Amino acid sequence: MGLFKIIKNEKFQIGIWEITETVDELEKLAYNLFTRKYKSSKRTKETLINNILVNTLLPGSKINYNVYGAPILENNFISISHTKKMACVLISDINVGVDIEEISSKPLQLANKFINDENQVLLTKKKALIIWCFKEAIFKWYEKGNISFKKDIIVYNFKVNKKGIVKAQFKNQEILAEFIQIKNHYLVYLCRKKTNL
């Protein structure tokens, strides 16, 4: 399938890729991009797709990694996420975080590990998944690690739809993110300048 969708506005660009190609097919698409090969074909595919998406959104850009292993670009902020079937890259000139996950019951089964008790009352499979994605996106946006998903990120109640807004309390600030259902996945992303964190 390849490039599935591009979402753009004045603040950010998101490239979404549906993963159906082999490593050889992806190498042909990324013929002029330097990409490290890994023992794992899954990891090699992810790296190839990351580079293809970044060069689709910002031609000539190269992904590097900071000391914590987080992706960085020379003049922009970047966040990356993958599942078995989808990959996405979010780029902006302000801090960003993104997560994409396939809809499954796993987050609901593990909810007590990352959702505080009072927020578990009305959980559904999709709601637990969106909360997990939101907390992952905040973690990537924050970039400093050392976060308790259960204690430090308190998500306010929200309505599950195909797309919407979700809010949380994090480090004494209200954080907003958008979510969108893409096929059998949810994508959650946030673009926000970090202040006083």
N, C-alpha and C. Protein backbone atom coordinates (compact mmCIF):
# COMPACT_ATOMS: atom_id res chain seq x y z
N MET A 1 0.83 -1.19 0.00
CA MET A 1 0.00 0.00 0.00
C MET A 1 0.86 1.25 0.00
N GLY A 2 1.82 1.34 0.92
CA GLY A 2 2.69 2.51 0.96
C GLY A 2 2.05 3.71 1.63
N LEU A 3 2.35 4.88 1.09
CA LEU A 3 1.85 6.12 1.68
C LEU A 3 0.33 6.08 1.71
N PHE A 4 -0.23 6.16 2.90
CA PHE A 4 -1.67 6.03 3.08
C PHE A 4 -2.34 7.39 3.14
N LYS A 5 -1.72 8.32 3.88
CA LYS A 5 -2.37 9.61 4.09
C LYS A 5 -1.35 10.62 4.57
N ILE A 6 -1.56 11.88 4.18
CA ILE A 6 -0.80 13.00 4.73
C ILE A 6 -1.81 13.97 5.32
N ILE A 7 -1.57 14.37 6.56
CA ILE A 7 -2.40 15.37 7.23
C ILE A 7 -1.51 16.59 7.44
N LYS A 8 -1.95 17.75 6.94
CA LYS A 8 -1.14 18.97 7.06
C LYS A 8 -2.01 20.12 7.54
N ASN A 9 -1.40 20.98 8.33
CA ASN A 9 -1.99 22.29 8.61
C ASN A 9 -0.84 23.26 8.85
N GLU A 10 -1.14 24.46 9.33
CA GLU A 10 -0.08 25.47 9.51
C GLU A 10 0.90 25.11 10.61
N LYS A 11 0.55 24.17 11.50
CA LYS A 11 1.42 23.82 12.63
C LYS A 11 2.23 22.54 12.44
N PHE A 12 1.73 21.61 11.63
CA PHE A 12 2.39 20.30 11.56
C PHE A 12 2.08 19.57 10.27
N GLN A 13 2.82 18.47 10.06
CA GLN A 13 2.57 17.52 8.98
C GLN A 13 2.66 16.11 9.56
N ILE A 14 1.72 15.26 9.19
CA ILE A 14 1.77 13.85 9.59
C ILE A 14 1.75 13.01 8.32
N GLY A 15 2.70 12.10 8.22
CA GLY A 15 2.70 11.12 7.14
C GLY A 15 2.35 9.76 7.72
N ILE A 16 1.40 9.08 7.10
CA ILE A 16 0.94 7.78 7.59
C ILE A 16 1.17 6.75 6.48
N TRP A 17 1.77 5.64 6.85
CA TRP A 17 2.15 4.59 5.90
C TRP A 17 1.49 3.29 6.29
N GLU A 18 0.84 2.63 5.34
CA GLU A 18 0.32 1.29 5.58
C GLU A 18 1.38 0.29 5.14
N ILE A 19 1.84 -0.53 6.06
CA ILE A 19 2.99 -1.41 5.82
C ILE A 19 2.53 -2.71 5.16
N THR A 20 2.84 -2.84 3.87
CA THR A 20 2.54 -4.07 3.14
C THR A 20 3.75 -4.55 2.34
N GLU A 21 4.79 -3.72 2.25
CA GLU A 21 5.94 -4.00 1.40
C GLU A 21 6.96 -4.90 2.09
N THR A 22 7.78 -5.53 1.26
CA THR A 22 8.93 -6.28 1.76
C THR A 22 10.09 -5.29 1.96
N VAL A 23 11.15 -5.74 2.61
CA VAL A 23 12.34 -4.91 2.78
C VAL A 23 12.89 -4.52 1.41
N ASP A 24 12.95 -5.47 0.46
CA ASP A 24 13.47 -5.18 -0.88
C ASP A 24 12.65 -4.10 -1.58
N GLU A 25 11.33 -4.18 -1.48
CA GLU A 25 10.48 -3.17 -2.10
C GLU A 25 10.70 -1.80 -1.47
N LEU A 26 10.85 -1.77 -0.16
CA LEU A 26 11.10 -0.49 0.53
C LEU A 26 12.47 0.07 0.18
N GLU A 27 13.46 -0.80 0.05
CA GLU A 27 14.80 -0.33 -0.34
C GLU A 27 14.78 0.33 -1.71
N LYS A 28 13.97 -0.19 -2.63
CA LYS A 28 13.85 0.43 -3.95
C LYS A 28 13.20 1.81 -3.84
N LEU A 29 12.21 1.94 -2.97
CA LEU A 29 11.56 3.24 -2.77
C LEU A 29 12.49 4.25 -2.11
N ALA A 30 13.41 3.74 -1.30
CA ALA A 30 14.34 4.61 -0.56
C ALA A 30 15.74 4.54 -1.18
N TYR A 31 15.82 4.36 -2.47
CA TYR A 31 17.10 4.08 -3.13
C TYR A 31 18.18 5.13 -2.88
N ASN A 32 17.83 6.36 -2.71
CA ASN A 32 18.85 7.40 -2.51
C ASN A 32 18.99 7.83 -1.05
N LEU A 33 18.33 7.14 -0.14
CA LEU A 33 18.38 7.49 1.28
C LEU A 33 19.26 6.50 2.02
N PHE A 34 20.18 7.01 2.83
CA PHE A 34 21.00 6.11 3.64
C PHE A 34 20.14 5.55 4.76
N THR A 35 20.07 4.25 4.85
CA THR A 35 19.33 3.60 5.92
C THR A 35 20.13 2.42 6.43
N ARG A 36 20.29 2.39 7.71
CA ARG A 36 21.02 1.30 8.36
C ARG A 36 20.19 0.02 8.28
N LYS A 37 20.88 -1.09 8.05
CA LYS A 37 20.20 -2.40 8.06
C LYS A 37 20.33 -3.01 9.44
N TYR A 38 19.27 -3.66 9.87
CA TYR A 38 19.23 -4.32 11.18
C TYR A 38 19.05 -5.82 10.97
N LYS A 39 19.34 -6.59 12.00
CA LYS A 39 19.12 -8.03 11.93
C LYS A 39 17.63 -8.33 11.75
N SER A 40 16.81 -7.53 12.39
CA SER A 40 15.36 -7.70 12.32
C SER A 40 14.82 -7.01 11.06
N SER A 41 14.10 -7.77 10.23
CA SER A 41 13.50 -7.16 9.04
C SER A 41 12.43 -6.14 9.44
N LYS A 42 11.76 -6.39 10.56
CA LYS A 42 10.76 -5.44 11.06
C LYS A 42 11.40 -4.08 11.34
N ARG A 43 12.53 -4.09 12.03
CA ARG A 43 13.24 -2.85 12.38
C ARG A 43 13.77 -2.16 11.12
N THR A 44 14.28 -2.95 10.17
CA THR A 44 14.76 -2.39 8.90
C THR A 44 13.62 -1.73 8.15
N LYS A 45 12.45 -2.39 8.09
CA LYS A 45 11.28 -1.80 7.43
C LYS A 45 10.90 -0.48 8.08
N GLU A 46 10.84 -0.46 9.41
CA GLU A 46 10.47 0.76 10.13
C GLU A 46 11.43 1.90 9.80
N THR A 47 12.72 1.61 9.78
CA THR A 47 13.72 2.64 9.49
C THR A 47 13.58 3.15 8.07
N LEU A 48 13.38 2.25 7.12
CA LEU A 48 13.17 2.66 5.73
C LEU A 48 11.93 3.54 5.60
N ILE A 49 10.83 3.11 6.21
CA ILE A 49 9.59 3.88 6.13
C ILE A 49 9.75 5.24 6.79
N ASN A 50 10.41 5.29 7.95
CA ASN A 50 10.66 6.58 8.61
C ASN A 50 11.36 7.54 7.66
N ASN A 51 12.42 7.06 7.00
CA ASN A 51 13.18 7.91 6.09
C ASN A 51 12.38 8.32 4.87
N ILE A 52 11.59 7.41 4.33
CA ILE A 52 10.74 7.74 3.18
C ILE A 52 9.72 8.80 3.57
N LEU A 53 9.06 8.61 4.72
CA LEU A 53 8.05 9.58 5.16
C LEU A 53 8.67 10.95 5.42
N VAL A 54 9.80 10.99 6.12
CA VAL A 54 10.44 12.28 6.40
C VAL A 54 10.81 12.98 5.10
N ASN A 55 11.35 12.25 4.13
CA ASN A 55 11.73 12.88 2.87
C ASN A 55 10.53 13.23 2.00
N THR A 56 9.40 12.60 2.22
CA THR A 56 8.17 13.00 1.54
C THR A 56 7.66 14.32 2.12
N LEU A 57 7.71 14.44 3.44
CA LEU A 57 7.21 15.65 4.11
C LEU A 57 8.21 16.81 4.05
N LEU A 58 9.49 16.51 4.22
CA LEU A 58 10.56 17.53 4.21
C LEU A 58 11.72 17.02 3.36
N PRO A 59 11.64 17.17 2.06
CA PRO A 59 12.70 16.64 1.19
C PRO A 59 14.10 17.10 1.63
N GLY A 60 15.03 16.15 1.62
CA GLY A 60 16.41 16.45 1.98
C GLY A 60 16.71 16.34 3.46
N SER A 61 15.70 16.08 4.28
CA SER A 61 15.91 15.98 5.73
C SER A 61 16.43 14.60 6.10
N LYS A 62 17.18 14.55 7.19
CA LYS A 62 17.75 13.29 7.66
C LYS A 62 17.44 13.12 9.14
N ILE A 63 16.99 11.93 9.52
CA ILE A 63 16.71 11.64 10.92
C ILE A 63 18.01 11.28 11.63
N ASN A 64 18.23 11.92 12.77
CA ASN A 64 19.31 11.55 13.69
C ASN A 64 18.65 11.17 15.00
N TYR A 65 19.45 10.75 15.97
CA TYR A 65 18.90 10.34 17.26
C TYR A 65 19.69 10.99 18.38
N ASN A 66 18.97 11.44 19.42
CA ASN A 66 19.65 12.07 20.56
C ASN A 66 20.20 10.99 21.50
N VAL A 67 20.79 11.43 22.60
CA VAL A 67 21.42 10.49 23.54
C VAL A 67 20.42 9.53 24.18
N TYR A 68 19.14 9.89 24.17
CA TYR A 68 18.10 9.02 24.74
C TYR A 68 17.49 8.10 23.69
N GLY A 69 17.95 8.20 22.44
CA GLY A 69 17.42 7.37 21.37
C GLY A 69 16.21 7.95 20.68
N ALA A 70 15.82 9.18 21.04
CA ALA A 70 14.66 9.82 20.41
C ALA A 70 15.08 10.42 19.06
N PRO A 71 14.19 10.34 18.06
CA PRO A 71 14.53 10.90 16.75
C PRO A 71 14.58 12.42 16.80
N ILE A 72 15.50 12.99 16.02
CA ILE A 72 15.61 14.45 15.92
C ILE A 72 15.88 14.83 14.47
N LEU A 73 15.43 16.02 14.11
CA LEU A 73 15.74 16.63 12.82
C LEU A 73 16.50 17.92 13.08
N GLU A 74 17.23 18.37 12.09
CA GLU A 74 18.08 19.55 12.28
C GLU A 74 17.29 20.80 12.63
N ASN A 75 16.21 21.10 11.92
CA ASN A 75 15.49 22.36 12.14
C ASN A 75 14.03 22.19 12.51
N ASN A 76 13.62 20.99 12.88
CA ASN A 76 12.23 20.72 13.22
C ASN A 76 12.16 19.69 14.34
N PHE A 77 10.98 19.56 14.91
CA PHE A 77 10.72 18.52 15.90
C PHE A 77 10.05 17.35 15.18
N ILE A 78 10.31 16.14 15.66
CA ILE A 78 9.77 14.94 15.02
C ILE A 78 9.35 13.94 16.08
N SER A 79 8.30 13.19 15.78
CA SER A 79 7.89 12.06 16.59
C SER A 79 7.49 10.94 15.64
N ILE A 80 7.77 9.70 16.03
CA ILE A 80 7.57 8.54 15.17
C ILE A 80 6.84 7.45 15.95
N SER A 81 5.97 6.71 15.26
CA SER A 81 5.30 5.57 15.89
C SER A 81 5.04 4.49 14.84
N HIS A 82 5.02 3.23 15.29
CA HIS A 82 4.78 2.08 14.39
C HIS A 82 3.89 1.05 15.06
N THR A 83 3.16 0.32 14.24
CA THR A 83 2.53 -0.93 14.64
C THR A 83 2.98 -1.96 13.60
N LYS A 84 2.42 -3.15 13.65
CA LYS A 84 2.76 -4.14 12.63
C LYS A 84 2.31 -3.69 11.25
N LYS A 85 1.19 -2.94 11.20
CA LYS A 85 0.58 -2.62 9.92
C LYS A 85 0.64 -1.15 9.52
N MET A 86 0.96 -0.26 10.45
CA MET A 86 0.96 1.17 10.15
C MET A 86 2.19 1.83 10.77
N ALA A 87 2.61 2.93 10.14
CA ALA A 87 3.69 3.75 10.68
C ALA A 87 3.30 5.20 10.46
N CYS A 88 3.79 6.07 11.34
CA CYS A 88 3.51 7.49 11.15
C CYS A 88 4.68 8.33 11.64
N VAL A 89 4.82 9.49 11.01
CA VAL A 89 5.83 10.48 11.36
C VAL A 89 5.11 11.81 11.49
N LEU A 90 5.37 12.52 12.59
CA LEU A 90 4.80 13.85 12.85
C LEU A 90 5.95 14.84 12.90
N ILE A 91 5.86 15.91 12.11
CA ILE A 91 6.91 16.93 12.04
C ILE A 91 6.28 18.30 12.26
N SER A 92 6.98 19.13 13.04
CA SER A 92 6.51 20.49 13.31
C SER A 92 7.70 21.36 13.71
N ASP A 93 7.46 22.68 13.78
CA ASP A 93 8.50 23.56 14.30
C ASP A 93 8.32 23.79 15.80
N ILE A 94 7.34 23.10 16.41
CA ILE A 94 7.19 23.09 17.87
C ILE A 94 7.20 21.63 18.35
N ASN A 95 7.31 21.44 19.64
CA ASN A 95 7.41 20.09 20.21
C ASN A 95 6.20 19.23 19.84
N VAL A 96 6.46 17.95 19.56
CA VAL A 96 5.40 17.04 19.11
C VAL A 96 5.51 15.67 19.77
N GLY A 97 4.40 14.97 19.78
CA GLY A 97 4.35 13.58 20.22
C GLY A 97 3.26 12.87 19.45
N VAL A 98 3.50 11.63 19.05
CA VAL A 98 2.51 10.86 18.30
C VAL A 98 2.57 9.40 18.72
N ASP A 99 1.42 8.75 18.68
CA ASP A 99 1.38 7.31 18.86
C ASP A 99 0.25 6.75 18.01
N ILE A 100 0.50 5.60 17.43
CA ILE A 100 -0.52 4.89 16.67
C ILE A 100 -0.54 3.45 17.17
N GLU A 101 -1.74 2.93 17.37
CA GLU A 101 -1.89 1.56 17.87
C GLU A 101 -3.08 0.90 17.19
N GLU A 102 -2.95 -0.40 16.96
CA GLU A 102 -4.07 -1.17 16.43
C GLU A 102 -5.10 -1.37 17.53
N ILE A 103 -6.37 -1.30 17.17
CA ILE A 103 -7.43 -1.50 18.16
C ILE A 103 -7.40 -2.95 18.63
N SER A 104 -7.27 -3.11 19.94
CA SER A 104 -7.26 -4.45 20.55
C SER A 104 -7.72 -4.31 21.99
N SER A 105 -7.91 -5.43 22.66
CA SER A 105 -8.34 -5.39 24.05
C SER A 105 -7.17 -5.31 25.03
N LYS A 106 -5.94 -5.37 24.53
CA LYS A 106 -4.77 -5.37 25.41
C LYS A 106 -4.71 -4.16 26.34
N PRO A 107 -4.89 -2.91 25.84
CA PRO A 107 -4.85 -1.77 26.77
C PRO A 107 -5.93 -1.85 27.86
N LEU A 108 -7.11 -2.36 27.52
CA LEU A 108 -8.17 -2.50 28.51
C LEU A 108 -7.76 -3.52 29.58
N GLN A 109 -7.13 -4.60 29.17
CA GLN A 109 -6.68 -5.62 30.12
C GLN A 109 -5.58 -5.11 31.04
N LEU A 110 -4.78 -4.16 30.55
CA LEU A 110 -3.66 -3.62 31.33
C LEU A 110 -3.97 -2.25 31.94
N ALA A 111 -5.21 -1.81 31.88
CA ALA A 111 -5.59 -0.45 32.29
C ALA A 111 -5.15 -0.10 33.71
N ASN A 112 -5.20 -1.05 34.63
CA ASN A 112 -4.83 -0.74 36.02
C ASN A 112 -3.35 -0.39 36.16
N LYS A 113 -2.55 -0.64 35.14
CA LYS A 113 -1.12 -0.30 35.19
C LYS A 113 -0.84 1.13 34.72
N PHE A 114 -1.75 1.73 33.93
CA PHE A 114 -1.46 3.06 33.40
C PHE A 114 -2.61 4.07 33.55
N ILE A 115 -3.74 3.65 34.08
CA ILE A 115 -4.87 4.56 34.29
C ILE A 115 -5.21 4.57 35.77
N ASN A 116 -5.34 5.79 36.35
CA ASN A 116 -5.68 5.86 37.78
C ASN A 116 -7.08 5.31 38.01
N ASP A 117 -7.34 4.87 39.22
CA ASP A 117 -8.55 4.10 39.54
C ASP A 117 -9.85 4.80 39.18
N GLU A 118 -9.96 6.11 39.46
CA GLU A 118 -11.24 6.78 39.20
C GLU A 118 -11.55 6.89 37.71
N ASN A 119 -10.55 6.77 36.84
CA ASN A 119 -10.79 6.85 35.40
C ASN A 119 -11.09 5.49 34.77
N GLN A 120 -11.06 4.42 35.55
CA GLN A 120 -11.28 3.10 35.00
C GLN A 120 -12.75 2.69 34.98
N VAL A 121 -13.61 3.50 35.57
CA VAL A 121 -15.02 3.12 35.73
C VAL A 121 -15.72 2.87 34.40
N LEU A 122 -15.61 3.78 33.46
CA LEU A 122 -16.36 3.67 32.21
C LEU A 122 -15.48 3.32 31.02
N LEU A 123 -14.48 2.49 31.24
CA LEU A 123 -13.55 2.16 30.17
C LEU A 123 -14.14 1.17 29.17
N THR A 124 -13.82 1.42 27.91
CA THR A 124 -14.09 0.47 26.84
C THR A 124 -12.75 0.15 26.18
N LYS A 125 -12.77 -0.79 25.28
CA LYS A 125 -11.55 -1.17 24.57
C LYS A 125 -10.95 0.04 23.83
N LYS A 126 -11.78 0.78 23.11
CA LYS A 126 -11.29 1.93 22.35
C LYS A 126 -10.84 3.06 23.26
N LYS A 127 -11.59 3.31 24.33
CA LYS A 127 -11.22 4.40 25.24
C LYS A 127 -9.88 4.11 25.91
N ALA A 128 -9.68 2.88 26.37
CA ALA A 128 -8.40 2.51 26.99
C ALA A 128 -7.26 2.66 25.99
N LEU A 129 -7.50 2.29 24.74
CA LEU A 129 -6.47 2.42 23.71
C LEU A 129 -6.12 3.88 23.45
N ILE A 130 -7.11 4.74 23.34
CA ILE A 130 -6.86 6.17 23.11
C ILE A 130 -6.09 6.77 24.28
N ILE A 131 -6.46 6.40 25.50
CA ILE A 131 -5.73 6.89 26.68
C ILE A 131 -4.28 6.43 26.63
N TRP A 132 -4.05 5.16 26.30
CA TRP A 132 -2.67 4.67 26.19
C TRP A 132 -1.89 5.46 25.14
N CYS A 133 -2.49 5.65 23.95
CA CYS A 133 -1.83 6.40 22.88
C CYS A 133 -1.53 7.83 23.32
N PHE A 134 -2.48 8.46 24.02
CA PHE A 134 -2.29 9.84 24.48
C PHE A 134 -1.12 9.91 25.45
N LYS A 135 -1.06 8.98 26.37
CA LYS A 135 0.03 8.99 27.35
C LYS A 135 1.38 8.72 26.67
N GLU A 136 1.40 7.85 25.68
CA GLU A 136 2.62 7.62 24.90
C GLU A 136 3.03 8.89 24.15
N ALA A 137 2.06 9.58 23.56
CA ALA A 137 2.35 10.82 22.83
C ALA A 137 2.90 11.89 23.77
N ILE A 138 2.34 11.99 24.98
CA ILE A 138 2.86 12.95 25.97
C ILE A 138 4.29 12.58 26.35
N PHE A 139 4.54 11.30 26.57
CA PHE A 139 5.88 10.83 26.92
C PHE A 139 6.90 11.24 25.84
N LYS A 140 6.55 11.03 24.58
CA LYS A 140 7.44 11.40 23.48
C LYS A 140 7.60 12.92 23.39
N TRP A 141 6.51 13.65 23.58
CA TRP A 141 6.55 15.11 23.53
C TRP A 141 7.42 15.67 24.64
N TYR A 142 7.31 15.12 25.83
CA TYR A 142 8.05 15.59 27.01
C TYR A 142 9.55 15.37 26.86
N GLU A 143 9.96 14.26 26.28
CA GLU A 143 11.34 13.92 25.95
C GLU A 143 12.29 13.71 27.12
N LYS A 144 11.83 13.79 28.34
CA LYS A 144 12.75 13.69 29.48
C LYS A 144 12.61 12.38 30.24
N GLY A 145 11.68 11.53 29.85
CA GLY A 145 11.49 10.26 30.54
C GLY A 145 11.02 10.45 31.97
N ASN A 146 11.21 9.42 32.77
CA ASN A 146 10.88 9.47 34.20
C ASN A 146 9.45 9.95 34.47
N ILE A 147 8.50 9.33 33.78
CA ILE A 147 7.08 9.67 33.94
C ILE A 147 6.33 8.41 34.38
N SER A 148 5.47 8.56 35.38
CA SER A 148 4.54 7.49 35.73
C SER A 148 3.25 7.75 34.94
N PHE A 149 2.95 6.87 34.00
CA PHE A 149 1.74 7.04 33.20
C PHE A 149 0.51 7.09 34.09
N LYS A 150 0.51 6.32 35.17
CA LYS A 150 -0.66 6.23 36.04
C LYS A 150 -0.80 7.46 36.94
N LYS A 151 0.31 7.94 37.51
CA LYS A 151 0.24 9.03 38.49
C LYS A 151 0.43 10.42 37.89
N ASP A 152 1.27 10.54 36.88
CA ASP A 152 1.66 11.87 36.38
C ASP A 152 0.77 12.40 35.27
N ILE A 153 0.06 11.52 34.57
CA ILE A 153 -0.79 11.95 33.45
C ILE A 153 -2.23 11.55 33.76
N ILE A 154 -3.04 12.52 34.11
CA ILE A 154 -4.44 12.26 34.46
C ILE A 154 -5.32 12.72 33.29
N VAL A 155 -5.95 11.76 32.62
CA VAL A 155 -6.76 12.05 31.44
C VAL A 155 -8.19 12.35 31.87
N TYR A 156 -8.73 13.46 31.34
CA TYR A 156 -10.13 13.81 31.61
C TYR A 156 -11.04 12.93 30.77
N ASN A 157 -12.28 12.79 31.22
CA ASN A 157 -13.24 11.98 30.48
C ASN A 157 -13.47 12.59 29.10
N PHE A 158 -13.68 11.75 28.12
CA PHE A 158 -13.92 12.21 26.75
C PHE A 158 -14.81 11.19 26.06
N LYS A 159 -15.38 11.61 24.93
CA LYS A 159 -16.26 10.74 24.17
C LYS A 159 -15.46 10.09 23.03
N VAL A 160 -15.61 8.79 22.88
CA VAL A 160 -14.92 8.06 21.82
C VAL A 160 -15.72 8.19 20.53
N ASN A 161 -15.05 8.68 19.50
CA ASN A 161 -15.61 8.80 18.16
C ASN A 161 -14.53 8.40 17.17
N LYS A 162 -14.80 8.61 15.90
CA LYS A 162 -13.77 8.35 14.89
C LYS A 162 -12.67 9.41 14.96
N LYS A 163 -13.01 10.60 15.45
CA LYS A 163 -11.99 11.61 15.71
C LYS A 163 -12.48 12.52 16.81
N GLY A 164 -11.53 13.16 17.50
CA GLY A 164 -11.92 14.03 18.60
C GLY A 164 -10.71 14.60 19.31
N ILE A 165 -11.00 15.22 20.45
CA ILE A 165 -9.96 15.84 21.28
C ILE A 165 -9.97 15.18 22.64
N VAL A 166 -8.78 14.98 23.19
CA VAL A 166 -8.63 14.41 24.52
C VAL A 166 -7.73 15.36 25.32
N LYS A 167 -8.04 15.51 26.62
CA LYS A 167 -7.29 16.42 27.49
C LYS A 167 -6.74 15.67 28.69
N ALA A 168 -5.62 16.17 29.20
CA ALA A 168 -5.02 15.57 30.40
C ALA A 168 -4.36 16.64 31.24
N GLN A 169 -4.20 16.32 32.51
CA GLN A 169 -3.41 17.14 33.44
C GLN A 169 -2.04 16.49 33.52
N PHE A 170 -1.00 17.27 33.22
CA PHE A 170 0.38 16.77 33.27
C PHE A 170 1.29 17.89 33.76
N LYS A 171 2.00 17.64 34.85
CA LYS A 171 2.94 18.63 35.40
C LYS A 171 2.26 19.99 35.59
N ASN A 172 1.07 19.98 36.17
CA ASN A 172 0.29 21.20 36.46
C ASN A 172 -0.11 21.98 35.22
N GLN A 173 -0.17 21.33 34.09
CA GLN A 173 -0.63 21.97 32.86
C GLN A 173 -1.68 21.10 32.19
N GLU A 174 -2.60 21.75 31.49
CA GLU A 174 -3.58 21.01 30.71
C GLU A 174 -3.00 20.78 29.32
N ILE A 175 -2.97 19.53 28.91
CA ILE A 175 -2.43 19.14 27.60
C ILE A 175 -3.59 18.64 26.74
N LEU A 176 -3.67 19.12 25.51
CA LEU A 176 -4.69 18.68 24.56
C LEU A 176 -4.03 17.91 23.42
N ALA A 177 -4.73 16.90 22.96
CA ALA A 177 -4.27 16.15 21.78
C ALA A 177 -5.49 15.81 20.94
N GLU A 178 -5.24 15.51 19.70
CA GLU A 178 -6.31 15.07 18.80
C GLU A 178 -6.14 13.58 18.54
N PHE A 179 -7.27 12.91 18.34
CA PHE A 179 -7.21 11.50 17.96
C PHE A 179 -8.05 11.29 16.72
N ILE A 180 -7.65 10.29 15.95
CA ILE A 180 -8.37 9.96 14.73
C ILE A 180 -8.28 8.45 14.50
N GLN A 181 -9.39 7.85 14.11
CA GLN A 181 -9.38 6.43 13.77
C GLN A 181 -8.97 6.29 12.31
N ILE A 182 -7.99 5.45 12.07
CA ILE A 182 -7.51 5.17 10.72
C ILE A 182 -7.56 3.66 10.53
N LYS A 183 -8.50 3.23 9.72
CA LYS A 183 -8.76 1.80 9.55
C LYS A 183 -8.99 1.19 10.94
N ASN A 184 -8.23 0.16 11.29
CA ASN A 184 -8.40 -0.50 12.59
C ASN A 184 -7.36 -0.01 13.60
N HIS A 185 -7.03 1.28 13.54
CA HIS A 185 -6.02 1.89 14.41
C HIS A 185 -6.54 3.22 14.94
N TYR A 186 -5.97 3.65 16.05
CA TYR A 186 -6.15 5.03 16.51
C TYR A 186 -4.79 5.71 16.51
N LEU A 187 -4.80 6.94 16.01
CA LEU A 187 -3.63 7.80 15.99
C LEU A 187 -3.93 8.96 16.94
N VAL A 188 -3.00 9.24 17.86
CA VAL A 188 -3.14 10.38 18.79
C VAL A 188 -1.90 11.24 18.62
N TYR A 189 -2.11 12.55 18.47
CA TYR A 189 -0.97 13.44 18.27
C TYR A 189 -1.18 14.76 19.00
N LEU A 190 -0.05 15.35 19.39
CA LEU A 190 -0.09 16.68 20.00
C LEU A 190 1.09 17.50 19.51
N CYS A 191 0.84 18.78 19.33
CA CYS A 191 1.85 19.77 18.94
C CYS A 191 1.70 20.92 19.91
N ARG A 192 2.72 21.11 20.73
CA ARG A 192 2.61 22.16 21.74
C ARG A 192 4.01 22.56 22.19
N LYS A 193 4.25 23.83 22.25
CA LYS A 193 5.53 24.32 22.75
C LYS A 193 5.61 23.99 24.23
N LYS A 194 6.77 23.48 24.65
CA LYS A 194 6.97 23.15 26.06
C LYS A 194 7.33 24.41 26.82
N THR A 195 6.62 24.65 27.93
CA THR A 195 6.92 25.80 28.78
C THR A 195 6.93 25.37 30.24
N ASN A 196 7.94 25.77 30.96
CA ASN A 196 8.02 25.57 32.42
C ASN A 196 7.79 24.13 32.87
N LEU A 197 8.33 23.17 32.17
CA LEU A 197 8.19 21.76 32.59
C LEU A 197 9.51 21.24 33.10
